[in-house]
N, C-alpha and C. Protein backbone atom coordinates (compact mmCIF):
# COMPACT_ATOMS: atom_id res chain seq x y z
N MET A 1 -21.88 7.50 -5.02
CA MET A 1 -21.70 6.63 -4.08
C MET A 1 -20.07 6.71 -3.98
N PRO A 2 -19.55 6.82 -2.93
CA PRO A 2 -18.02 6.78 -2.81
C PRO A 2 -17.64 5.45 -2.99
N MET A 3 -16.16 5.28 -3.65
CA MET A 3 -15.63 4.24 -3.95
C MET A 3 -14.76 3.67 -2.72
N HIS A 4 -14.58 2.52 -2.41
CA HIS A 4 -13.67 2.03 -1.48
C HIS A 4 -12.60 1.10 -2.14
N TYR A 5 -11.30 1.27 -1.95
CA TYR A 5 -10.38 0.53 -2.36
C TYR A 5 -9.50 -0.29 -1.42
N THR A 6 -9.12 -1.53 -1.97
CA THR A 6 -8.22 -2.24 -0.94
C THR A 6 -6.99 -2.57 -1.66
N LEU A 7 -5.95 -2.00 -1.07
CA LEU A 7 -4.60 -2.27 -1.65
C LEU A 7 -4.15 -3.98 -1.48
N LEU A 8 -3.93 -4.43 -2.55
CA LEU A 8 -3.29 -5.97 -2.76
C LEU A 8 -2.04 -5.83 -3.17
N TRP A 9 -1.18 -6.35 -2.47
CA TRP A 9 0.20 -6.12 -2.40
C TRP A 9 0.93 -6.86 -3.91
N ASP A 10 0.36 -7.85 -3.98
CA ASP A 10 0.97 -8.60 -5.12
C ASP A 10 0.76 -7.91 -6.66
N GLY A 11 1.42 -7.56 -7.34
CA GLY A 11 1.49 -6.78 -8.54
C GLY A 11 1.62 -5.57 -8.49
N SER A 12 1.64 -4.94 -7.42
CA SER A 12 1.82 -3.35 -7.20
C SER A 12 3.43 -3.24 -7.52
N GLU A 13 3.54 -1.76 -7.82
CA GLU A 13 4.79 -1.40 -8.41
C GLU A 13 5.27 -0.21 -7.56
N VAL A 14 6.46 -0.38 -6.80
CA VAL A 14 7.06 0.55 -6.18
C VAL A 14 7.97 1.66 -7.02
N ALA A 15 7.69 2.83 -7.19
CA ALA A 15 8.38 3.78 -7.92
C ALA A 15 9.52 4.24 -7.40
N TRP A 16 9.55 4.53 -5.95
CA TRP A 16 10.54 4.92 -5.10
C TRP A 16 10.20 5.04 -3.68
N VAL A 17 11.39 4.98 -2.99
CA VAL A 17 11.15 4.95 -1.65
C VAL A 17 12.15 6.06 -0.87
N ARG A 18 11.61 6.91 -0.11
CA ARG A 18 12.68 8.04 0.34
C ARG A 18 12.28 8.29 1.86
N ALA A 19 13.42 8.67 2.59
CA ALA A 19 13.23 9.26 3.97
C ALA A 19 12.79 10.91 3.79
N GLU A 20 11.93 11.19 4.68
CA GLU A 20 11.60 12.57 4.55
C GLU A 20 11.49 12.86 6.13
N GLY A 21 12.72 13.42 6.77
CA GLY A 21 12.86 13.82 8.12
C GLY A 21 12.76 12.17 8.78
N ALA A 22 11.83 12.36 10.04
CA ALA A 22 11.52 11.09 10.54
C ALA A 22 10.63 10.04 10.00
N ASP A 23 10.08 10.61 8.72
CA ASP A 23 9.11 9.70 8.05
C ASP A 23 9.90 8.82 6.73
N VAL A 24 9.16 7.76 6.38
CA VAL A 24 9.52 7.25 5.16
C VAL A 24 8.42 7.21 4.30
N LEU A 25 8.49 7.91 2.88
CA LEU A 25 7.41 7.81 2.07
C LEU A 25 7.68 6.82 0.90
N ILE A 26 6.73 6.05 0.58
CA ILE A 26 6.73 5.07 -0.39
C ILE A 26 5.67 5.26 -1.40
N LYS A 27 6.16 5.65 -2.71
CA LYS A 27 5.32 5.81 -3.79
C LYS A 27 5.03 4.69 -4.60
N LEU A 28 3.69 4.35 -4.78
CA LEU A 28 3.52 3.29 -5.83
C LEU A 28 3.05 3.83 -6.92
N SER A 29 3.64 3.51 -7.95
CA SER A 29 3.33 3.86 -9.41
C SER A 29 2.17 3.15 -9.82
N ALA A 30 2.04 2.03 -9.54
CA ALA A 30 0.55 1.40 -9.81
C ALA A 30 0.22 0.31 -8.67
N ALA A 31 -0.81 0.52 -7.92
CA ALA A 31 -1.26 -0.13 -6.77
C ALA A 31 -2.17 -1.07 -7.23
N ALA A 32 -2.06 -2.27 -6.99
CA ALA A 32 -3.03 -3.47 -7.33
C ALA A 32 -4.07 -3.11 -6.43
N VAL A 33 -5.42 -3.13 -6.73
CA VAL A 33 -6.27 -2.79 -5.76
C VAL A 33 -7.57 -3.52 -6.09
N SER A 34 -8.48 -3.88 -5.19
CA SER A 34 -9.71 -4.14 -5.52
C SER A 34 -10.64 -3.18 -5.24
N LYS A 35 -11.80 -2.69 -5.92
CA LYS A 35 -12.48 -1.64 -5.72
C LYS A 35 -14.11 -2.05 -5.80
N GLN A 36 -14.74 -1.40 -4.81
CA GLN A 36 -15.93 -1.67 -4.53
C GLN A 36 -16.75 -0.40 -4.23
N GLU A 37 -17.90 -0.22 -4.93
CA GLU A 37 -18.76 0.98 -4.83
C GLU A 37 -19.72 0.88 -3.75
N GLY A 38 -19.77 1.74 -2.73
CA GLY A 38 -20.70 1.56 -1.75
C GLY A 38 -19.99 1.30 -0.41
N PRO A 39 -20.80 1.07 0.66
CA PRO A 39 -20.12 0.62 1.75
C PRO A 39 -19.40 -0.88 1.71
N SER A 40 -18.35 -0.85 2.56
CA SER A 40 -17.27 -2.11 2.54
C SER A 40 -18.16 -3.36 3.30
N SER A 41 -19.22 -3.01 3.94
CA SER A 41 -19.96 -3.80 4.75
C SER A 41 -21.11 -4.50 3.90
N ASP A 42 -21.34 -4.03 2.66
CA ASP A 42 -22.66 -4.43 1.72
C ASP A 42 -22.02 -5.67 1.18
N ALA A 43 -22.88 -6.77 1.48
CA ALA A 43 -22.33 -8.13 0.76
C ALA A 43 -22.69 -8.20 -0.53
N ILE A 44 -23.64 -7.31 -1.09
CA ILE A 44 -24.01 -7.48 -2.47
C ILE A 44 -23.07 -6.62 -3.32
N ALA A 45 -22.37 -5.70 -2.78
CA ALA A 45 -21.64 -4.86 -3.60
C ALA A 45 -20.81 -5.50 -4.44
N GLN A 46 -20.42 -5.10 -5.67
CA GLN A 46 -19.81 -5.51 -6.83
C GLN A 46 -18.28 -5.08 -6.60
N ARG A 47 -17.39 -6.21 -6.76
CA ARG A 47 -16.05 -5.88 -6.62
C ARG A 47 -15.35 -6.19 -7.86
N GLU A 48 -14.46 -5.36 -8.17
CA GLU A 48 -13.33 -5.52 -9.34
C GLU A 48 -11.87 -5.24 -9.07
N THR A 49 -11.08 -5.84 -9.74
CA THR A 49 -9.61 -5.72 -9.62
C THR A 49 -9.09 -4.81 -10.49
N GLY A 50 -8.12 -4.17 -10.17
CA GLY A 50 -7.49 -3.22 -11.23
C GLY A 50 -6.32 -2.59 -10.57
N PHE A 51 -5.72 -1.21 -11.25
CA PHE A 51 -4.69 -0.62 -10.72
C PHE A 51 -5.06 0.73 -10.46
N LEU A 52 -4.59 1.30 -9.24
CA LEU A 52 -4.75 2.84 -8.96
C LEU A 52 -3.49 3.57 -9.20
N ARG A 53 -3.28 4.46 -9.78
CA ARG A 53 -2.02 5.19 -10.18
C ARG A 53 -2.29 6.63 -9.68
N PRO A 54 -1.33 7.54 -9.05
CA PRO A 54 -0.49 6.79 -7.90
C PRO A 54 -1.12 6.65 -6.57
N VAL A 55 -0.28 5.95 -5.82
CA VAL A 55 -0.65 5.73 -4.28
C VAL A 55 0.43 5.92 -3.40
N ALA A 56 0.42 6.79 -2.29
CA ALA A 56 1.46 7.04 -1.25
C ALA A 56 1.19 6.35 0.01
N LEU A 57 2.28 5.80 0.61
CA LEU A 57 2.27 5.21 2.01
C LEU A 57 3.17 5.86 2.60
N ARG A 58 2.82 6.69 3.94
CA ARG A 58 3.91 7.45 4.54
C ARG A 58 3.78 6.67 5.90
N LEU A 59 5.00 6.37 6.32
CA LEU A 59 5.42 5.73 7.47
C LEU A 59 5.91 6.69 8.41
N VAL A 60 5.05 7.19 9.58
CA VAL A 60 5.38 8.15 10.47
C VAL A 60 6.31 7.70 11.36
N GLY A 61 7.54 8.51 11.76
CA GLY A 61 8.34 7.88 12.89
C GLY A 61 8.97 6.66 12.52
N ALA A 62 9.34 6.39 11.34
CA ALA A 62 9.76 4.97 10.68
C ALA A 62 11.44 4.64 10.98
N SER A 63 11.59 3.58 11.00
CA SER A 63 13.14 3.05 11.32
C SER A 63 13.47 1.92 10.36
N GLY A 64 14.49 1.43 10.25
CA GLY A 64 14.88 0.24 9.37
C GLY A 64 15.17 0.50 8.04
N LEU A 65 15.09 1.68 7.40
CA LEU A 65 15.41 2.01 5.99
C LEU A 65 16.83 2.22 5.81
N THR A 66 17.48 1.51 4.76
CA THR A 66 18.73 1.56 4.38
C THR A 66 18.76 1.49 2.99
N HIS A 67 19.61 2.36 2.24
CA HIS A 67 19.81 2.46 0.97
C HIS A 67 18.54 2.73 0.19
N ALA A 68 17.85 3.80 0.60
CA ALA A 68 16.55 4.08 -0.09
C ALA A 68 16.30 3.94 -1.55
N SER A 69 17.22 4.55 -2.17
CA SER A 69 17.18 4.37 -3.78
C SER A 69 17.08 2.92 -4.28
N ASP A 70 17.69 1.65 -3.55
CA ASP A 70 17.62 0.44 -3.86
C ASP A 70 16.12 -0.33 -3.84
N TRP A 71 15.29 0.57 -3.25
CA TRP A 71 13.92 -0.19 -3.26
C TRP A 71 13.01 0.30 -4.16
N PHE A 72 12.77 -0.43 -5.24
CA PHE A 72 11.83 0.02 -6.47
C PHE A 72 11.59 -1.28 -7.16
N GLY A 73 10.46 -1.36 -7.67
CA GLY A 73 9.96 -2.54 -8.74
C GLY A 73 8.80 -3.23 -8.32
N ALA A 74 8.61 -4.53 -8.78
CA ALA A 74 7.37 -5.18 -8.58
C ALA A 74 7.09 -5.78 -7.19
N LEU A 75 6.13 -5.84 -6.51
CA LEU A 75 5.97 -6.50 -5.30
C LEU A 75 5.25 -8.00 -5.57
N SER A 76 5.84 -9.02 -4.71
CA SER A 76 5.05 -10.02 -4.91
C SER A 76 4.21 -10.35 -3.59
N ASP A 77 4.45 -9.66 -2.46
CA ASP A 77 3.57 -9.67 -1.41
C ASP A 77 4.10 -8.45 -0.58
N GLY A 78 3.08 -8.52 0.53
CA GLY A 78 3.46 -7.44 1.62
C GLY A 78 2.50 -7.58 2.85
N CYS A 79 2.86 -7.01 4.18
CA CYS A 79 1.99 -7.28 5.14
C CYS A 79 2.19 -6.13 6.08
N VAL A 80 1.19 -5.73 6.72
CA VAL A 80 1.24 -4.84 7.91
C VAL A 80 1.03 -5.34 9.13
N VAL A 81 1.88 -5.40 10.11
CA VAL A 81 1.54 -6.07 11.61
C VAL A 81 1.16 -4.85 12.46
N THR A 82 -0.04 -4.88 13.01
CA THR A 82 -0.31 -3.84 13.93
C THR A 82 -1.17 -4.44 14.91
N ASN A 83 -0.89 -3.86 16.34
CA ASN A 83 -1.76 -4.46 17.36
C ASN A 83 -1.81 -6.04 17.45
N GLY A 84 -0.68 -6.62 16.86
CA GLY A 84 -0.70 -8.05 16.97
C GLY A 84 -1.49 -8.82 15.81
N GLN A 85 -2.08 -7.97 14.85
CA GLN A 85 -2.76 -8.56 13.81
C GLN A 85 -1.94 -8.35 12.29
N ALA A 86 -2.09 -9.25 11.60
CA ALA A 86 -1.32 -9.18 10.34
C ALA A 86 -2.48 -8.78 9.28
N MET A 87 -2.04 -7.77 8.48
CA MET A 87 -2.99 -7.18 7.42
C MET A 87 -2.29 -7.60 6.22
N ARG A 88 -2.98 -8.42 5.49
CA ARG A 88 -2.32 -8.93 4.06
C ARG A 88 -2.95 -7.96 2.98
N ALA A 89 -4.03 -7.28 3.26
CA ALA A 89 -4.54 -6.26 2.30
C ALA A 89 -4.79 -4.86 3.08
N LEU A 90 -4.85 -3.94 2.46
CA LEU A 90 -4.82 -2.45 3.21
C LEU A 90 -5.93 -1.58 2.64
N PRO A 91 -6.90 -1.12 3.45
CA PRO A 91 -7.94 -0.36 2.87
C PRO A 91 -7.30 1.08 2.59
N LEU A 92 -7.89 1.57 1.53
CA LEU A 92 -7.25 2.99 0.93
C LEU A 92 -8.42 3.92 0.98
N PRO A 93 -8.41 5.16 1.39
CA PRO A 93 -7.19 5.65 2.41
C PRO A 93 -7.31 5.09 3.72
N CYS A 94 -6.24 5.07 4.40
CA CYS A 94 -6.13 4.73 5.72
C CYS A 94 -5.22 5.39 6.50
N ARG A 95 -5.40 5.38 7.67
CA ARG A 95 -4.64 5.69 9.01
C ARG A 95 -4.51 4.61 10.05
N LEU A 96 -3.20 4.12 10.21
CA LEU A 96 -3.22 3.13 11.20
C LEU A 96 -2.08 3.78 12.10
N SER A 97 -2.22 3.42 13.56
CA SER A 97 -1.28 4.06 14.44
C SER A 97 -1.18 3.04 15.72
N GLY A 98 -0.28 3.34 16.41
CA GLY A 98 -0.03 2.41 17.69
C GLY A 98 1.13 1.69 17.27
N GLY A 99 2.06 1.91 16.52
CA GLY A 99 3.17 1.01 16.36
C GLY A 99 2.97 -0.16 15.48
N LEU A 100 3.75 -0.20 14.29
CA LEU A 100 3.52 -1.14 13.41
C LEU A 100 4.75 -1.63 12.67
N SER A 101 4.71 -2.69 11.80
CA SER A 101 5.83 -3.23 10.92
C SER A 101 5.16 -3.40 9.59
N LEU A 102 6.07 -2.91 8.70
CA LEU A 102 5.64 -3.27 7.29
C LEU A 102 6.63 -4.11 6.32
N GLN A 103 6.25 -5.09 5.95
CA GLN A 103 7.20 -5.80 4.99
C GLN A 103 6.63 -5.81 3.55
N LEU A 104 7.58 -5.44 2.69
CA LEU A 104 7.37 -5.48 1.41
C LEU A 104 8.29 -6.31 0.57
N HIS A 105 7.74 -7.27 0.12
CA HIS A 105 8.22 -8.60 -0.64
C HIS A 105 8.55 -8.22 -2.28
N PHE A 106 9.89 -8.07 -2.66
CA PHE A 106 9.85 -7.46 -3.82
C PHE A 106 10.33 -8.95 -4.51
N LYS A 107 9.71 -8.86 -5.87
CA LYS A 107 9.99 -9.97 -6.72
C LYS A 107 11.45 -10.17 -7.47
N ALA A 108 12.07 -8.95 -7.35
CA ALA A 108 13.45 -9.30 -7.95
C ALA A 108 14.66 -8.96 -6.87
N ARG A 109 14.10 -9.03 -5.53
CA ARG A 109 15.18 -8.79 -4.52
C ARG A 109 14.70 -9.14 -3.23
N ASP A 110 15.20 -8.64 -2.01
CA ASP A 110 15.00 -9.17 -0.91
C ASP A 110 13.58 -8.44 -0.48
N THR A 111 13.38 -8.23 0.92
CA THR A 111 12.32 -7.80 1.50
C THR A 111 12.68 -6.71 2.35
N LEU A 112 11.92 -5.66 2.32
CA LEU A 112 12.19 -4.42 2.96
C LEU A 112 11.31 -4.59 4.15
N THR A 113 11.80 -4.20 5.33
CA THR A 113 11.11 -4.39 6.68
C THR A 113 11.19 -2.97 7.27
N LEU A 114 10.14 -2.35 7.58
CA LEU A 114 10.33 -0.90 8.24
C LEU A 114 9.49 -1.02 9.55
N GLN A 115 9.89 -0.36 10.67
CA GLN A 115 8.99 -0.09 11.83
C GLN A 115 8.61 1.26 11.89
N ALA A 116 7.36 1.66 12.24
CA ALA A 116 6.77 2.91 12.26
C ALA A 116 5.72 3.05 13.50
N GLU A 117 5.60 4.28 13.88
CA GLU A 117 4.46 4.81 14.93
C GLU A 117 3.20 4.83 14.22
N ALA A 118 2.95 5.12 12.98
CA ALA A 118 1.88 5.17 12.24
C ALA A 118 2.04 4.95 10.66
N LEU A 119 1.10 4.53 10.01
CA LEU A 119 1.00 4.45 8.38
C LEU A 119 -0.06 5.16 7.97
N HIS A 120 0.10 6.18 6.86
CA HIS A 120 -1.04 6.73 6.33
C HIS A 120 -1.15 6.28 4.90
N GLY A 121 -2.13 5.60 4.32
CA GLY A 121 -2.29 5.37 3.11
C GLY A 121 -3.23 6.41 2.23
N GLU A 122 -2.63 7.04 1.34
CA GLU A 122 -3.17 8.18 0.59
C GLU A 122 -3.35 7.95 -0.75
N VAL A 123 -4.46 8.22 -1.13
CA VAL A 123 -4.74 8.19 -2.71
C VAL A 123 -4.73 9.47 -3.23
N ASP A 124 -3.97 9.80 -3.94
CA ASP A 124 -3.49 11.01 -4.71
C ASP A 124 -5.03 11.72 -5.43
N ALA A 125 -5.18 13.07 -5.12
CA ALA A 125 -6.33 13.58 -5.92
C ALA A 125 -6.53 13.39 -7.26
N ASP A 126 -5.12 13.30 -7.92
CA ASP A 126 -4.86 12.80 -9.43
C ASP A 126 -5.03 11.33 -9.74
N SER A 127 -5.22 10.55 -8.74
CA SER A 127 -5.15 9.15 -8.85
C SER A 127 -6.00 8.64 -10.07
N VAL A 128 -5.63 7.81 -10.78
CA VAL A 128 -6.63 7.36 -11.95
C VAL A 128 -6.65 5.80 -11.70
N TYR A 129 -7.90 5.14 -11.88
CA TYR A 129 -8.35 3.73 -11.66
C TYR A 129 -8.23 3.07 -13.11
N ALA A 130 -7.75 1.97 -13.17
CA ALA A 130 -7.63 1.16 -14.65
C ALA A 130 -8.08 -0.18 -14.26
N GLU A 131 -9.13 -0.59 -14.79
CA GLU A 131 -9.57 -2.13 -14.58
C GLU A 131 -8.66 -3.04 -15.01
N SER A 132 -8.40 -4.24 -14.42
CA SER A 132 -7.45 -5.18 -14.88
C SER A 132 -8.30 -6.21 -15.67
N TYR A 133 -7.67 -6.72 -16.83
CA TYR A 133 -8.43 -7.62 -17.75
C TYR A 133 -7.70 -9.12 -17.62
N ALA A 134 -6.80 -9.14 -16.31
CA ALA A 134 -6.26 -10.57 -16.24
C ALA A 134 -7.30 -11.65 -16.08
N CYS A 135 -7.01 -12.83 -16.52
CA CYS A 135 -7.86 -13.85 -16.55
C CYS A 135 -7.33 -14.73 -15.42
């Protein structure tokens, strides 16, 4: 049965942010996620939280990035706004398009806000899931 992950911004760790041509790539060294085995519509499915390492977010046709090397560390929150809808959590993998805004709230610094034509949330082939034992 396939795993379905949902990115939960709080507790995620940004390893780095960099521009790649017209795109911006954000690498999460540890993505706080909830994990569900089976279809996301299954009300009986068991959910657990943990960390997925690593995860990449690619913002296609992005703008708003300044001082890319300054943006790393722990996140306290995040939000993607697309088609007038705010998404406080993000399914992984995902492909969103149609113009969007991404806000990442860092615990030790300001908020990074980027605009893009699309967002691709990618789980690396070598990504590893670790269950959280937080109470």
